[in-house]
Amino acid sequence: MAYIRCMHRTQIYLPSELRQELDIVAKKEKKPTAQVIRELLSEGLRSKHKETVGEALSKLANLGVKGGPPDLSTNIDKYLYE
């Protein structure tokens, strides 16, 4: 997994149970807790993004529109997300 070189310190509050689970995973995987958090966030965000793209494409397909704008292939993000 590639990370951007510049990292920003972020502080969050976690419920005790969640923090305990996080510590268990970090010890089991022999990784620093911060690395486990970064990996879990990356996985979660990738998963969320895939769902969002899939939902947008599904909505677009369900419109049943034939034809479309001539610049659709070059401006697909504009039409999907605006």
PDB file of N, CA and C in Angstrom:
ATOM      1  N   MET A   1       0.848  -1.171   0.000  1.00  0.00           N
ATOM      2  CA  MET A   1       0.000   0.000   0.000  1.00  0.00           C
ATOM      3  C   MET A   1       0.897   1.238   0.000  1.00  0.00           C
ATOM      4  N   ALA A   2       0.660   2.139  -0.902  1.00  0.00           N
ATOM      5  CA  ALA A   2       1.470   3.350  -1.004  1.00  0.00           C
ATOM      6  C   ALA A   2       0.794   4.488  -0.241  1.00  0.00           C
ATOM      7  N   TYR A   3       1.590   5.191   0.522  1.00  0.00           N
ATOM      8  CA  TYR A   3       1.072   6.334   1.257  1.00  0.00           C
ATOM      9  C   TYR A   3       1.701   7.604   0.711  1.00  0.00           C
ATOM     10  N   ILE A   4       0.991   8.681   0.813  1.00  0.00           N
ATOM     11  CA  ILE A   4       1.532   9.985   0.450  1.00  0.00           C
ATOM     12  C   ILE A   4       2.607  10.324   1.480  1.00  0.00           C
ATOM     13  N   ARG A   5       3.704  10.875   1.038  1.00  0.00           N
ATOM     14  CA  ARG A   5       4.830  11.135   1.940  1.00  0.00           C
ATOM     15  C   ARG A   5       4.473  12.056   3.097  1.00  0.00           C
ATOM     16  N   CYS A   6       3.681  13.040   2.845  1.00  0.00           N
ATOM     17  CA  CYS A   6       3.313  13.997   3.885  1.00  0.00           C
ATOM     18  C   CYS A   6       2.139  13.437   4.686  1.00  0.00           C
ATOM     19  N   MET A   7       2.343  13.252   5.964  1.00  0.00           N
ATOM     20  CA  MET A   7       1.256  12.752   6.808  1.00  0.00           C
ATOM     21  C   MET A   7       0.813  13.870   7.743  1.00  0.00           C
ATOM     22  N   HIS A   8      -0.462  13.849   8.050  1.00  0.00           N
ATOM     23  CA  HIS A   8      -1.030  14.853   8.947  1.00  0.00           C
ATOM     24  C   HIS A   8      -1.494  14.161  10.217  1.00  0.00           C
ATOM     25  N   ARG A   9      -1.169  14.748  11.327  1.00  0.00           N
ATOM     26  CA  ARG A   9      -1.588  14.198  12.609  1.00  0.00           C
ATOM     27  C   ARG A   9      -3.077  14.484  12.776  1.00  0.00           C
ATOM     28  N   THR A  10      -3.824  13.443  13.121  1.00  0.00           N
ATOM     29  CA  THR A  10      -5.262  13.574  13.320  1.00  0.00           C
ATOM     30  C   THR A  10      -5.630  12.923  14.637  1.00  0.00           C
ATOM     31  N   GLN A  11      -6.424  13.601  15.400  1.00  0.00           N
ATOM     32  CA  GLN A  11      -6.828  13.071  16.698  1.00  0.00           C
ATOM     33  C   GLN A  11      -8.312  12.733  16.660  1.00  0.00           C
ATOM     34  N   ILE A  12      -8.663  11.523  17.103  1.00  0.00           N
ATOM     35  CA  ILE A  12     -10.062  11.113  17.143  1.00  0.00           C
ATOM     36  C   ILE A  12     -10.370  10.478  18.492  1.00  0.00           C
ATOM     37  N   TYR A  13     -11.628  10.423  18.830  1.00  0.00           N
ATOM     38  CA  TYR A  13     -12.078   9.753  20.043  1.00  0.00           C
ATOM     39  C   TYR A  13     -12.717   8.437  19.650  1.00  0.00           C
ATOM     40  N   LEU A  14     -12.319   7.358  20.326  1.00  0.00           N
ATOM     41  CA  LEU A  14     -12.864   6.036  20.054  1.00  0.00           C
ATOM     42  C   LEU A  14     -13.505   5.479  21.319  1.00  0.00           C
ATOM     43  N   PRO A  15     -14.599   4.757  21.150  1.00  0.00           N
ATOM     44  CA  PRO A  15     -15.163   4.058  22.314  1.00  0.00           C
ATOM     45  C   PRO A  15     -14.149   3.022  22.808  1.00  0.00           C
ATOM     46  N   SER A  16     -14.166   2.718  24.088  1.00  0.00           N
ATOM     47  CA  SER A  16     -13.210   1.790  24.684  1.00  0.00           C
ATOM     48  C   SER A  16     -13.190   0.443  23.975  1.00  0.00           C
ATOM     49  N   GLU A  17     -14.367  -0.062  23.630  1.00  0.00           N
ATOM     50  CA  GLU A  17     -14.456  -1.382  22.998  1.00  0.00           C
ATOM     51  C   GLU A  17     -13.745  -1.379  21.642  1.00  0.00           C
ATOM     52  N   LEU A  18     -13.948  -0.315  20.879  1.00  0.00           N
ATOM     53  CA  LEU A  18     -13.328  -0.208  19.564  1.00  0.00           C
ATOM     54  C   LEU A  18     -11.813  -0.109  19.694  1.00  0.00           C
ATOM     55  N   ARG A  19     -11.354   0.661  20.668  1.00  0.00           N
ATOM     56  CA  ARG A  19      -9.912   0.800  20.903  1.00  0.00           C
ATOM     57  C   ARG A  19      -9.300  -0.545  21.310  1.00  0.00           C
ATOM     58  N   GLN A  20     -10.018  -1.308  22.123  1.00  0.00           N
ATOM     59  CA  GLN A  20      -9.515  -2.625  22.523  1.00  0.00           C
ATOM     60  C   GLN A  20      -9.395  -3.560  21.316  1.00  0.00           C
ATOM     61  N   GLU A  21     -10.412  -3.541  20.442  1.00  0.00           N
ATOM     62  CA  GLU A  21     -10.363  -4.362  19.229  1.00  0.00           C
ATOM     63  C   GLU A  21      -9.190  -3.945  18.347  1.00  0.00           C
ATOM     64  N   LEU A  22      -8.981  -2.663  18.233  1.00  0.00           N
ATOM     65  CA  LEU A  22      -7.886  -2.129  17.426  1.00  0.00           C
ATOM     66  C   LEU A  22      -6.539  -2.589  17.984  1.00  0.00           C
ATOM     67  N   ASP A  23      -6.380  -2.538  19.291  1.00  0.00           N
ATOM     68  CA  ASP A  23      -5.141  -2.990  19.921  1.00  0.00           C
ATOM     69  C   ASP A  23      -4.900  -4.479  19.685  1.00  0.00           C
ATOM     70  N   ILE A  24      -5.954  -5.273  19.747  1.00  0.00           N
ATOM     71  CA  ILE A  24      -5.839  -6.716  19.509  1.00  0.00           C
ATOM     72  C   ILE A  24      -5.365  -6.991  18.083  1.00  0.00           C
ATOM     73  N   VAL A  25      -5.978  -6.298  17.115  1.00  0.00           N
ATOM     74  CA  VAL A  25      -5.587  -6.475  15.712  1.00  0.00           C
ATOM     75  C   VAL A  25      -4.132  -6.065  15.507  1.00  0.00           C
ATOM     76  N   ALA A  26      -3.740  -4.950  16.075  1.00  0.00           N
ATOM     77  CA  ALA A  26      -2.368  -4.457  15.926  1.00  0.00           C
ATOM     78  C   ALA A  26      -1.370  -5.468  16.501  1.00  0.00           C
ATOM     79  N   LYS A  27      -1.673  -6.015  17.667  1.00  0.00           N
ATOM     80  CA  LYS A  27      -0.761  -7.001  18.270  1.00  0.00           C
ATOM     81  C   LYS A  27      -0.724  -8.278  17.451  1.00  0.00           C
ATOM     82  N   LYS A  28      -1.893  -8.729  16.975  1.00  0.00           N
ATOM     83  CA  LYS A  28      -1.967  -9.960  16.197  1.00  0.00           C
ATOM     84  C   LYS A  28      -1.173  -9.826  14.896  1.00  0.00           C
ATOM     85  N   GLU A  29      -1.272  -8.670  14.247  1.00  0.00           N
ATOM     86  CA  GLU A  29      -0.589  -8.442  12.977  1.00  0.00           C
ATOM     87  C   GLU A  29       0.835  -7.899  13.163  1.00  0.00           C
ATOM     88  N   LYS A  30       1.218  -7.664  14.423  1.00  0.00           N
ATOM     89  CA  LYS A  30       2.546  -7.129  14.756  1.00  0.00           C
ATOM     90  C   LYS A  30       2.826  -5.841  13.979  1.00  0.00           C
ATOM     91  N   LYS A  31       1.866  -4.930  14.057  1.00  0.00           N
ATOM     92  CA  LYS A  31       1.970  -3.637  13.374  1.00  0.00           C
ATOM     93  C   LYS A  31       1.649  -2.533  14.379  1.00  0.00           C
ATOM     94  N   PRO A  32       2.169  -1.341  14.137  1.00  0.00           N
ATOM     95  CA  PRO A  32       1.774  -0.206  14.984  1.00  0.00           C
ATOM     96  C   PRO A  32       0.278   0.090  14.810  1.00  0.00           C
ATOM     97  N   THR A  33      -0.348   0.534  15.865  1.00  0.00           N
ATOM     98  CA  THR A  33      -1.774   0.850  15.825  1.00  0.00           C
ATOM     99  C   THR A  33      -2.088   1.868  14.736  1.00  0.00           C
ATOM    100  N   ALA A  34      -1.232   2.864  14.574  1.00  0.00           N
ATOM    101  CA  ALA A  34      -1.469   3.893  13.553  1.00  0.00           C
ATOM    102  C   ALA A  34      -1.496   3.290  12.148  1.00  0.00           C
ATOM    103  N   GLN A  35      -0.636   2.309  11.898  1.00  0.00           N
ATOM    104  CA  GLN A  35      -0.614   1.667  10.583  1.00  0.00           C
ATOM    105  C   GLN A  35      -1.900   0.877  10.349  1.00  0.00           C
ATOM    106  N   VAL A  36      -2.366   0.193  11.379  1.00  0.00           N
ATOM    107  CA  VAL A  36      -3.618  -0.564  11.263  1.00  0.00           C
ATOM    108  C   VAL A  36      -4.773   0.386  10.961  1.00  0.00           C
ATOM    109  N   ILE A  37      -4.807   1.510  11.648  1.00  0.00           N
ATOM    110  CA  ILE A  37      -5.870   2.497  11.419  1.00  0.00           C
ATOM    111  C   ILE A  37      -5.820   2.999   9.975  1.00  0.00           C
ATOM    112  N   ARG A  38      -4.618   3.342   9.475  1.00  0.00           N
ATOM    113  CA  ARG A  38      -4.497   3.827   8.100  1.00  0.00           C
ATOM    114  C   ARG A  38      -4.969   2.783   7.096  1.00  0.00           C
ATOM    115  N   GLU A  39      -4.571   1.526   7.315  1.00  0.00           N
ATOM    116  CA  GLU A  39      -4.974   0.457   6.403  1.00  0.00           C
ATOM    117  C   GLU A  39      -6.491   0.250   6.414  1.00  0.00           C
ATOM    118  N   LEU A  40      -7.084   0.256   7.604  1.00  0.00           N
ATOM    119  CA  LEU A  40      -8.537   0.074   7.694  1.00  0.00           C
ATOM    120  C   LEU A  40      -9.291   1.236   7.050  1.00  0.00           C
ATOM    121  N   LEU A  41      -8.795   2.444   7.245  1.00  0.00           N
ATOM    122  CA  LEU A  41      -9.423   3.608   6.616  1.00  0.00           C
ATOM    123  C   LEU A  41      -9.320   3.526   5.096  1.00  0.00           C
ATOM    124  N   SER A  42      -8.155   3.144   4.597  1.00  0.00           N
ATOM    125  CA  SER A  42      -7.976   3.023   3.146  1.00  0.00           C
ATOM    126  C   SER A  42      -8.933   1.993   2.555  1.00  0.00           C
ATOM    127  N   GLU A  43      -9.020   0.829   3.204  1.00  0.00           N
ATOM    128  CA  GLU A  43      -9.932  -0.218   2.732  1.00  0.00           C
ATOM    129  C   GLU A  43     -11.375   0.263   2.753  1.00  0.00           C
ATOM    130  N   GLY A  44     -11.763   0.904   3.846  1.00  0.00           N
ATOM    131  CA  GLY A  44     -13.132   1.387   3.978  1.00  0.00           C
ATOM    132  C   GLY A  44     -13.475   2.446   2.946  1.00  0.00           C
ATOM    133  N   LEU A  45     -12.561   3.364   2.708  1.00  0.00           N
ATOM    134  CA  LEU A  45     -12.813   4.418   1.732  1.00  0.00           C
ATOM    135  C   LEU A  45     -12.877   3.864   0.315  1.00  0.00           C
ATOM    136  N   ARG A  46     -11.990   2.907   0.008  1.00  0.00           N
ATOM    137  CA  ARG A  46     -12.049   2.276  -1.313  1.00  0.00           C
ATOM    138  C   ARG A  46     -13.378   1.569  -1.511  1.00  0.00           C
ATOM    139  N   SER A  47     -13.820   0.863  -0.488  1.00  0.00           N
ATOM    140  CA  SER A  47     -15.094   0.149  -0.554  1.00  0.00           C
ATOM    141  C   SER A  47     -16.249   1.126  -0.739  1.00  0.00           C
ATOM    142  N   LYS A  48     -16.229   2.205  -0.001  1.00  0.00           N
ATOM    143  CA  LYS A  48     -17.278   3.225  -0.084  1.00  0.00           C
ATOM    144  C   LYS A  48     -17.314   3.851  -1.469  1.00  0.00           C
ATOM    145  N   HIS A  49     -16.132   4.140  -2.016  1.00  0.00           N
ATOM    146  CA  HIS A  49     -16.048   4.761  -3.340  1.00  0.00           C
ATOM    147  C   HIS A  49     -16.594   3.819  -4.409  1.00  0.00           C
ATOM    148  N   LYS A  50     -16.271   2.539  -4.309  1.00  0.00           N
ATOM    149  CA  LYS A  50     -16.763   1.568  -5.293  1.00  0.00           C
ATOM    150  C   LYS A  50     -18.279   1.512  -5.267  1.00  0.00           C
ATOM    151  N   GLU A  51     -18.862   1.514  -4.059  1.00  0.00           N
ATOM    152  CA  GLU A  51     -20.318   1.499  -3.949  1.00  0.00           C
ATOM    153  C   GLU A  51     -20.912   2.752  -4.580  1.00  0.00           C
ATOM    154  N   THR A  52     -20.295   3.883  -4.335  1.00  0.00           N
ATOM    155  CA  THR A  52     -20.800   5.139  -4.857  1.00  0.00           C
ATOM    156  C   THR A  52     -20.768   5.155  -6.380  1.00  0.00           C
ATOM    157  N   VAL A  53     -19.672   4.702  -6.962  1.00  0.00           N
ATOM    158  CA  VAL A  53     -19.551   4.659  -8.420  1.00  0.00           C
ATOM    159  C   VAL A  53     -20.572   3.684  -8.990  1.00  0.00           C
ATOM    160  N   GLY A  54     -20.699   2.521  -8.349  1.00  0.00           N
ATOM    161  CA  GLY A  54     -21.667   1.529  -8.808  1.00  0.00           C
ATOM    162  C   GLY A  54     -23.086   2.042  -8.755  1.00  0.00           C
ATOM    163  N   GLU A  55     -23.432   2.722  -7.675  1.00  0.00           N
ATOM    164  CA  GLU A  55     -24.775   3.295  -7.546  1.00  0.00           C
ATOM    165  C   GLU A  55     -25.018   4.337  -8.626  1.00  0.00           C
ATOM    166  N   ALA A  56     -24.018   5.181  -8.884  1.00  0.00           N
ATOM    167  CA  ALA A  56     -24.172   6.232  -9.885  1.00  0.00           C
ATOM    168  C   ALA A  56     -24.365   5.620 -11.274  1.00  0.00           C
ATOM    169  N   LEU A  57     -23.570   4.603 -11.593  1.00  0.00           N
ATOM    170  CA  LEU A  57     -23.706   3.961 -12.899  1.00  0.00           C
ATOM    171  C   LEU A  57     -25.052   3.264 -13.028  1.00  0.00           C
ATOM    172  N   SER A  58     -25.509   2.660 -11.941  1.00  0.00           N
ATOM    173  CA  SER A  58     -26.808   1.989 -11.961  1.00  0.00           C
ATOM    174  C   SER A  58     -27.927   2.998 -12.203  1.00  0.00           C
ATOM    175  N   LYS A  59     -27.868   4.137 -11.535  1.00  0.00           N
ATOM    176  CA  LYS A  59     -28.873   5.181 -11.735  1.00  0.00           C
ATOM    177  C   LYS A  59     -28.862   5.671 -13.183  1.00  0.00           C
ATOM    178  N   LEU A  60     -27.653   5.844 -13.707  1.00  0.00           N
ATOM    179  CA  LEU A  60     -27.517   6.304 -15.083  1.00  0.00           C
ATOM    180  C   LEU A  60     -28.117   5.286 -16.051  1.00  0.00           C
ATOM    181  N   ALA A  61     -27.849   4.018 -15.823  1.00  0.00           N
ATOM    182  CA  ALA A  61     -28.374   2.961 -16.695  1.00  0.00           C
ATOM    183  C   ALA A  61     -29.888   2.868 -16.602  1.00  0.00           C
ATOM    184  N   ASN A  62     -30.435   3.096 -15.416  1.00  0.00           N
ATOM    185  CA  ASN A  62     -31.877   2.993 -15.210  1.00  0.00           C
ATOM    186  C   ASN A  62     -32.663   4.158 -15.794  1.00  0.00           C
ATOM    187  N   LEU A  63     -31.977   5.210 -16.204  1.00  0.00           N
ATOM    188  CA  LEU A  63     -32.679   6.341 -16.796  1.00  0.00           C
ATOM    189  C   LEU A  63     -33.326   5.965 -18.129  1.00  0.00           C
ATOM    190  N   GLY A  64     -32.752   4.995 -18.810  1.00  0.00           N
ATOM    191  CA  GLY A  64     -33.312   4.558 -20.084  1.00  0.00           C
ATOM    192  C   GLY A  64     -33.197   5.592 -21.183  1.00  0.00           C
ATOM    193  N   VAL A  65     -32.286   6.512 -21.031  1.00  0.00           N
ATOM    194  CA  VAL A  65     -32.103   7.568 -22.027  1.00  0.00           C
ATOM    195  C   VAL A  65     -31.269   7.028 -23.179  1.00  0.00           C
ATOM    196  N   LYS A  66     -31.703   7.291 -24.367  1.00  0.00           N
ATOM    197  CA  LYS A  66     -30.931   6.890 -25.542  1.00  0.00           C
ATOM    198  C   LYS A  66     -30.221   8.111 -26.084  1.00  0.00           C
ATOM    199  N   GLY A  67     -29.046   7.894 -26.561  1.00  0.00           N
ATOM    200  CA  GLY A  67     -28.255   9.025 -27.053  1.00  0.00           C
ATOM    201  C   GLY A  67     -27.513   9.633 -25.891  1.00  0.00           C
ATOM    202  N   GLY A  68     -27.537  10.910 -25.766  1.00  0.00           N
ATOM    203  CA  GLY A  68     -26.857  11.583 -24.673  1.00  0.00           C
ATOM    204  C   GLY A  68     -25.977  12.688 -25.188  1.00  0.00           C
ATOM    205  N   PRO A  69     -25.324  13.372 -24.282  1.00  0.00           N
ATOM    206  CA  PRO A  69     -24.465  14.477 -24.687  1.00  0.00           C
ATOM    207  C   PRO A  69     -23.296  13.969 -25.525  1.00  0.00           C
ATOM    208  N   PRO A  70     -22.884  14.747 -26.500  1.00  0.00           N
ATOM    209  CA  PRO A  70     -21.776  14.310 -27.357  1.00  0.00           C
ATOM    210  C   PRO A  70     -20.442  14.235 -26.620  1.00  0.00           C
ATOM    211  N   ASP A  71     -20.317  14.934 -25.492  1.00  0.00           N
ATOM    212  CA  ASP A  71     -19.049  14.924 -24.753  1.00  0.00           C
ATOM    213  C   ASP A  71     -19.103  13.995 -23.533  1.00  0.00           C
ATOM    214  N   LEU A  72     -20.034  13.051 -23.522  1.00  0.00           N
ATOM    215  CA  LEU A  72     -20.210  12.174 -22.370  1.00  0.00           C
ATOM    216  C   LEU A  72     -18.937  11.405 -22.013  1.00  0.00           C
ATOM    217  N   SER A  73     -18.264  10.865 -23.001  1.00  0.00           N
ATOM    218  CA  SER A  73     -17.076  10.054 -22.706  1.00  0.00           C
ATOM    219  C   SER A  73     -15.942  10.871 -22.087  1.00  0.00           C
ATOM    220  N   THR A  74     -15.836  12.123 -22.421  1.00  0.00           N
ATOM    221  CA  THR A  74     -14.755  12.938 -21.864  1.00  0.00           C
ATOM    222  C   THR A  74     -15.158  13.644 -20.571  1.00  0.00           C
ATOM    223  N   ASN A  75     -16.444  13.785 -20.330  1.00  0.00           N
ATOM    224  CA  ASN A  75     -16.913  14.480 -19.120  1.00  0.00           C
ATOM    225  C   ASN A  75     -17.795  13.576 -18.255  1.00  0.00           C
ATOM    226  N   ILE A  76     -17.482  12.280 -18.205  1.00  0.00           N
ATOM    227  CA  ILE A  76     -18.323  11.329 -17.484  1.00  0.00           C
ATOM    228  C   ILE A  76     -18.474  11.703 -16.006  1.00  0.00           C
ATOM    229  N   ASP A  77     -17.392  12.159 -15.352  1.00  0.00           N
ATOM    230  CA  ASP A  77     -17.475  12.536 -13.936  1.00  0.00           C
ATOM    231  C   ASP A  77     -18.449  13.690 -13.723  1.00  0.00           C
ATOM    232  N   LYS A  78     -18.434  14.636 -14.630  1.00  0.00           N
ATOM    233  CA  LYS A  78     -19.345  15.778 -14.532  1.00  0.00           C
ATOM    234  C   LYS A  78     -20.783  15.295 -14.542  1.00  0.00           C
ATOM    235  N   TYR A  79     -21.101  14.384 -15.470  1.00  0.00           N
ATOM    236  CA  TYR A  79     -22.483  13.930 -15.600  1.00  0.00           C
ATOM    237  C   TYR A  79     -22.885  12.968 -14.479  1.00  0.00           C
ATOM    238  N   LEU A  80     -21.934  12.223 -13.936  1.00  0.00           N
ATOM    239  CA  LEU A  80     -22.256  11.284 -12.867  1.00  0.00           C
ATOM    240  C   LEU A  80     -22.437  11.953 -11.514  1.00  0.00           C
ATOM    241  N   TYR A  81     -21.612  12.943 -11.227  1.00  0.00           N
ATOM    242  CA  TYR A  81     -21.561  13.482  -9.873  1.00  0.00           C
ATOM    243  C   TYR A  81     -22.095  14.900  -9.701  1.00  0.00           C
ATOM    244  N   GLU A  82     -22.474  15.542 -10.774  1.00  0.00           N
ATOM    245  CA  GLU A  82     -23.023  16.908 -10.636  1.00  0.00           C
ATOM    246  C   GLU A  82     -24.507  16.902 -10.807  1.00  0.00           C
TER     247      GLU A  82
END
